[in-house]
Amino acid sequence: MYLFKYEGIIKQKIILYKFYDKSYLYKFFAYIINNNNKIKNYILKYDYIIPIPLHKYRYNERGYNQTYLILKELNKKQNIKILNDVLLKNKNIKPQSTLNRIERAYNIKNAYIIKNIEKIQNKKILLFDDVFTTGNTTNECSKLLKENGAIKVSVLTIAKD
């Protein structure tokens, strides 16, 4: 599920948020999600919501995980259960946004690992990301979560390209 097409003002805001040190925009995105009853109800169907993680190198470079910031703000308004210590990015890859479709699929392989497996076993998990382009990132993460015991994995993104 996604909220917007990746175009216009939403695309501009996401680019500013991710690449131009405009971390304060997390409040803008959280506000939009929190005021959409369909999305709020969708989120509540899951045991946990997991933000797509950044590699520690990219996190240190950017200073924040853009998806996690949004979820933390959402949690102030509604009691969502965030898991930020299960899905980890263990491989620093090239940014997916700089690659074509074929390169993206190869680039993302084995970039993630699971820790604290017991937290996801027999649980319904919602992955949260900012932009869905080819689906390679969310597919890789979903596969890993299912292989490690999640009974259902779905995806919510701000925008779809």
C-alpha atoms as a PDB file:
ATOM      1  CA  MET A   1       0.000   0.000   0.000  1.00  0.00           C
ATOM      2  CA  TYR A   2       1.205   3.503  -0.736  1.00  0.00           C
ATOM      3  CA  LEU A   3      -0.090   7.001  -0.128  1.00  0.00           C
ATOM      4  CA  PHE A   4       1.061   8.897  -3.226  1.00  0.00           C
ATOM      5  CA  LYS A   5       2.575   8.588  -6.659  1.00  0.00           C
ATOM      6  CA  TYR A   6       6.257   9.553  -6.580  1.00  0.00           C
ATOM      7  CA  GLU A   7       5.849  12.869  -8.385  1.00  0.00           C
ATOM      8  CA  GLY A   8       5.329  16.573  -7.841  1.00  0.00           C
ATOM      9  CA  ILE A   9       5.498  18.027  -4.360  1.00  0.00           C
ATOM     10  CA  ILE A  10       5.728  14.614  -2.642  1.00  0.00           C
ATOM     11  CA  LYS A  11       8.748  13.652  -4.728  1.00  0.00           C
ATOM     12  CA  GLN A  12      10.367  17.016  -3.964  1.00  0.00           C
ATOM     13  CA  LYS A  13       9.724  16.640  -0.221  1.00  0.00           C
ATOM     14  CA  ILE A  14      11.103  13.071  -0.128  1.00  0.00           C
ATOM     15  CA  ILE A  15      14.255  14.115  -1.982  1.00  0.00           C
ATOM     16  CA  LEU A  16      14.773  17.061   0.375  1.00  0.00           C
ATOM     17  CA  TYR A  17      14.128  14.811   3.376  1.00  0.00           C
ATOM     18  CA  LYS A  18      16.543  12.078   2.326  1.00  0.00           C
ATOM     19  CA  PHE A  19      19.336  13.874   0.515  1.00  0.00           C
ATOM     20  CA  TYR A  20      19.366  17.516   1.622  1.00  0.00           C
ATOM     21  CA  ASP A  21      19.453  17.290   5.407  1.00  0.00           C
ATOM     22  CA  LYS A  22      15.836  18.321   5.931  1.00  0.00           C
ATOM     23  CA  SER A  23      15.175  15.866   8.758  1.00  0.00           C
ATOM     24  CA  TYR A  24      12.391  18.058  10.147  1.00  0.00           C
ATOM     25  CA  LEU A  25      10.179  16.861   7.266  1.00  0.00           C
ATOM     26  CA  TYR A  26       9.484  13.657   9.230  1.00  0.00           C
ATOM     27  CA  LYS A  27       6.702  15.615  10.950  1.00  0.00           C
ATOM     28  CA  PHE A  28       5.128  16.454   7.585  1.00  0.00           C
ATOM     29  CA  PHE A  29       5.021  12.796   6.510  1.00  0.00           C
ATOM     30  CA  ALA A  30       3.841  11.568   9.924  1.00  0.00           C
ATOM     31  CA  TYR A  31       1.073  14.172   9.890  1.00  0.00           C
ATOM     32  CA  ILE A  32      -0.153  12.967   6.481  1.00  0.00           C
ATOM     33  CA  ILE A  33      -0.168   9.330   7.586  1.00  0.00           C
ATOM     34  CA  ASN A  34      -1.775  10.080  10.933  1.00  0.00           C
ATOM     35  CA  ASN A  35      -4.625  11.980   9.277  1.00  0.00           C
ATOM     36  CA  ASN A  36      -5.457   9.179   6.844  1.00  0.00           C
ATOM     37  CA  ASN A  37      -7.923   6.829   8.554  1.00  0.00           C
ATOM     38  CA  LYS A  38      -7.537   4.134   5.902  1.00  0.00           C
ATOM     39  CA  ILE A  39      -3.768   4.003   6.496  1.00  0.00           C
ATOM     40  CA  LYS A  40      -4.111   4.184  10.289  1.00  0.00           C
ATOM     41  CA  ASN A  41      -6.506   1.216  10.244  1.00  0.00           C
ATOM     42  CA  TYR A  42      -4.211  -0.670   7.879  1.00  0.00           C
ATOM     43  CA  ILE A  43      -1.254  -0.224  10.254  1.00  0.00           C
ATOM     44  CA  LEU A  44      -3.269  -1.496  13.211  1.00  0.00           C
ATOM     45  CA  LYS A  45      -3.836  -4.874  11.495  1.00  0.00           C
ATOM     46  CA  TYR A  46      -0.178  -5.778  12.101  1.00  0.00           C
ATOM     47  CA  ASP A  47       1.654  -6.914  15.205  1.00  0.00           C
ATOM     48  CA  TYR A  48       4.707  -4.817  14.369  1.00  0.00           C
ATOM     49  CA  ILE A  49       5.889  -2.224  11.896  1.00  0.00           C
ATOM     50  CA  ILE A  50       9.531  -2.339  10.824  1.00  0.00           C
ATOM     51  CA  PRO A  51      11.279   0.597   9.141  1.00  0.00           C
ATOM     52  CA  ILE A  52      13.607  -0.338   6.294  1.00  0.00           C
ATOM     53  CA  PRO A  53      17.014   0.012   7.932  1.00  0.00           C
ATOM     54  CA  LEU A  54      20.037   1.948   6.767  1.00  0.00           C
ATOM     55  CA  HIS A  55      23.568   0.634   6.892  1.00  0.00           C
ATOM     56  CA  LYS A  56      25.511   2.252   9.739  1.00  0.00           C
ATOM     57  CA  TYR A  57      27.747   4.066   7.240  1.00  0.00           C
ATOM     58  CA  ARG A  58      24.754   5.705   5.504  1.00  0.00           C
ATOM     59  CA  TYR A  59      23.131   6.394   8.864  1.00  0.00           C
ATOM     60  CA  ASN A  60      26.264   8.192  10.074  1.00  0.00           C
ATOM     61  CA  GLU A  61      26.464  10.106   6.800  1.00  0.00           C
ATOM     62  CA  ARG A  62      22.794  11.204   6.880  1.00  0.00           C
ATOM     63  CA  GLY A  63      22.434  11.384  10.651  1.00  0.00           C
ATOM     64  CA  TYR A  64      19.026   9.682  10.757  1.00  0.00           C
ATOM     65  CA  ASN A  65      16.954   6.857   9.337  1.00  0.00           C
ATOM     66  CA  GLN A  66      14.164   8.655   7.511  1.00  0.00           C
ATOM     67  CA  THR A  67      11.603   5.868   7.890  1.00  0.00           C
ATOM     68  CA  TYR A  68      12.280   5.348  11.591  1.00  0.00           C
ATOM     69  CA  LEU A  69      11.874   9.075  12.346  1.00  0.00           C
ATOM     70  CA  ILE A  70       8.426   9.051  10.778  1.00  0.00           C
ATOM     71  CA  LEU A  71       7.383   5.977  12.750  1.00  0.00           C
ATOM     72  CA  LYS A  72       8.604   7.449  16.034  1.00  0.00           C
ATOM     73  CA  GLU A  73       6.468  10.538  15.392  1.00  0.00           C
ATOM     74  CA  LEU A  74       3.467   8.395  14.448  1.00  0.00           C
ATOM     75  CA  ASN A  75       3.886   6.504  17.683  1.00  0.00           C
ATOM     76  CA  LYS A  76       3.229   9.724  19.613  1.00  0.00           C
ATOM     77  CA  LYS A  77      -0.284   9.906  18.135  1.00  0.00           C
ATOM     78  CA  GLN A  78      -1.184   6.220  17.915  1.00  0.00           C
ATOM     79  CA  ASN A  79       0.269   3.300  19.761  1.00  0.00           C
ATOM     80  CA  ILE A  80       2.071   1.419  17.021  1.00  0.00           C
ATOM     81  CA  LYS A  81       4.580  -1.288  17.821  1.00  0.00           C
ATOM     82  CA  ILE A  82       7.869  -0.515  16.087  1.00  0.00           C
ATOM     83  CA  LEU A  83      10.644  -3.079  15.804  1.00  0.00           C
ATOM     84  CA  ASN A  84      13.945  -1.405  15.051  1.00  0.00           C
ATOM     85  CA  ASP A  85      16.270  -4.179  16.234  1.00  0.00           C
ATOM     86  CA  VAL A  86      15.259  -7.129  14.071  1.00  0.00           C
ATOM     87  CA  LEU A  87      16.005  -6.259  10.464  1.00  0.00           C
ATOM     88  CA  LEU A  88      19.514  -4.905   9.988  1.00  0.00           C
ATOM     89  CA  LYS A  89      21.446  -3.825   6.931  1.00  0.00           C
ATOM     90  CA  ASN A  90      24.820  -5.515   7.154  1.00  0.00           C
ATOM     91  CA  LYS A  91      26.133  -4.606   3.715  1.00  0.00           C
ATOM     92  CA  ASN A  92      26.836  -1.045   2.582  1.00  0.00           C
ATOM     93  CA  ILE A  93      25.550  -1.058  -0.971  1.00  0.00           C
ATOM     94  CA  LYS A  94      25.264   1.586  -3.645  1.00  0.00           C
ATOM     95  CA  PRO A  95      22.105   3.666  -3.192  1.00  0.00           C
ATOM     96  CA  GLN A  96      19.291   1.912  -5.063  1.00  0.00           C
ATOM     97  CA  SER A  97      18.136   5.274  -6.447  1.00  0.00           C
ATOM     98  CA  THR A  98      21.364   5.516  -8.482  1.00  0.00           C
ATOM     99  CA  LEU A  99      20.900   2.161 -10.247  1.00  0.00           C
ATOM    100  CA  ASN A 100      18.772   0.752 -13.044  1.00  0.00           C
ATOM    101  CA  ARG A 101      16.262  -2.082 -12.510  1.00  0.00           C
ATOM    102  CA  ILE A 102      18.694  -4.917 -13.240  1.00  0.00           C
ATOM    103  CA  GLU A 103      21.459  -3.442 -11.092  1.00  0.00           C
ATOM    104  CA  ARG A 104      19.045  -2.888  -8.199  1.00  0.00           C
ATOM    105  CA  ALA A 105      18.131  -6.574  -7.970  1.00  0.00           C
ATOM    106  CA  TYR A 106      21.753  -7.667  -7.841  1.00  0.00           C
ATOM    107  CA  ASN A 107      22.822  -4.819  -5.542  1.00  0.00           C
ATOM    108  CA  ILE A 108      20.340  -5.633  -2.759  1.00  0.00           C
ATOM    109  CA  LYS A 109      21.023  -9.383  -2.517  1.00  0.00           C
ATOM    110  CA  ASN A 110      22.135 -10.446   0.975  1.00  0.00           C
ATOM    111  CA  ALA A 111      22.277  -6.844   2.195  1.00  0.00           C
ATOM    112  CA  TYR A 112      20.071  -7.576   5.236  1.00  0.00           C
ATOM    113  CA  ILE A 113      20.171  -9.908   8.218  1.00  0.00           C
ATOM    114  CA  ILE A 114      17.721 -10.811  10.981  1.00  0.00           C
ATOM    115  CA  LYS A 115      18.466 -10.503  14.681  1.00  0.00           C
ATOM    116  CA  ASN A 116      16.169 -11.271  17.602  1.00  0.00           C
ATOM    117  CA  ILE A 117      14.269 -13.780  15.473  1.00  0.00           C
ATOM    118  CA  GLU A 118      11.915 -14.666  18.329  1.00  0.00           C
ATOM    119  CA  LYS A 119      10.296 -11.214  18.060  1.00  0.00           C
ATOM    120  CA  ILE A 120       8.918 -11.880  14.562  1.00  0.00           C
ATOM    121  CA  GLN A 121       7.987 -15.540  14.783  1.00  0.00           C
ATOM    122  CA  ASN A 122       4.267 -16.074  14.170  1.00  0.00           C
ATOM    123  CA  LYS A 123       3.761 -12.319  13.802  1.00  0.00           C
ATOM    124  CA  LYS A 124       2.203 -10.126  11.129  1.00  0.00           C
ATOM    125  CA  ILE A 125       4.804  -7.592  10.029  1.00  0.00           C
ATOM    126  CA  LEU A 126       4.369  -4.346   8.127  1.00  0.00           C
ATOM    127  CA  LEU A 127       7.501  -3.020   6.438  1.00  0.00           C
ATOM    128  CA  PHE A 128       7.667   0.745   6.093  1.00  0.00           C
ATOM    129  CA  ASP A 129       9.708   2.538   3.439  1.00  0.00           C
ATOM    130  CA  ASP A 130       9.666   5.931   1.811  1.00  0.00           C
ATOM    131  CA  VAL A 131       9.615   5.048  -1.895  1.00  0.00           C
ATOM    132  CA  PHE A 132       8.664   1.847  -3.721  1.00  0.00           C
ATOM    133  CA  THR A 133      10.320   1.719  -7.141  1.00  0.00           C
ATOM    134  CA  THR A 134      11.140  -1.823  -8.275  1.00  0.00           C
ATOM    135  CA  GLY A 135      10.245  -3.587  -5.050  1.00  0.00           C
ATOM    136  CA  ASN A 136      13.686  -5.162  -4.747  1.00  0.00           C
ATOM    137  CA  THR A 137      14.372  -3.784  -1.272  1.00  0.00           C
ATOM    138  CA  THR A 138      11.011  -4.697   0.210  1.00  0.00           C
ATOM    139  CA  ASN A 139      11.023  -8.107  -1.529  1.00  0.00           C
ATOM    140  CA  GLU A 140      14.440  -8.925  -0.098  1.00  0.00           C
ATOM    141  CA  CYS A 141      13.365  -7.875   3.401  1.00  0.00           C
ATOM    142  CA  SER A 142       9.994  -9.650   3.150  1.00  0.00           C
ATOM    143  CA  LYS A 143      11.628 -12.881   2.047  1.00  0.00           C
ATOM    144  CA  LEU A 144      14.058 -12.761   4.947  1.00  0.00           C
ATOM    145  CA  LEU A 145      11.315 -12.056   7.492  1.00  0.00           C
ATOM    146  CA  LYS A 146       9.153 -14.912   6.183  1.00  0.00           C
ATOM    147  CA  GLU A 147      12.092 -17.329   6.146  1.00  0.00           C
ATOM    148  CA  ASN A 148      12.615 -16.505   9.812  1.00  0.00           C
ATOM    149  CA  GLY A 149       9.070 -17.091  10.992  1.00  0.00           C
ATOM    150  CA  ALA A 150       6.881 -14.080  10.207  1.00  0.00           C
ATOM    151  CA  ILE A 151       3.439 -15.353   9.196  1.00  0.00           C
ATOM    152  CA  LYS A 152       2.572 -12.330   7.056  1.00  0.00           C
ATOM    153  CA  VAL A 153       4.619  -9.463   5.653  1.00  0.00           C
ATOM    154  CA  SER A 154       3.141  -6.458   3.876  1.00  0.00           C
ATOM    155  CA  VAL A 155       4.539  -3.129   2.770  1.00  0.00           C
ATOM    156  CA  LEU A 156       3.523   0.481   3.322  1.00  0.00           C
ATOM    157  CA  THR A 157       5.339   3.288   1.536  1.00  0.00           C
ATOM    158  CA  ILE A 158       4.853   7.010   1.294  1.00  0.00           C
ATOM    159  CA  ALA A 159       5.143   6.955  -2.494  1.00  0.00           C
ATOM    160  CA  LYS A 160       5.259   4.576  -5.437  1.00  0.00           C
ATOM    161  CA  ASP A 161       7.338   5.328  -8.506  1.00  0.00           C
END
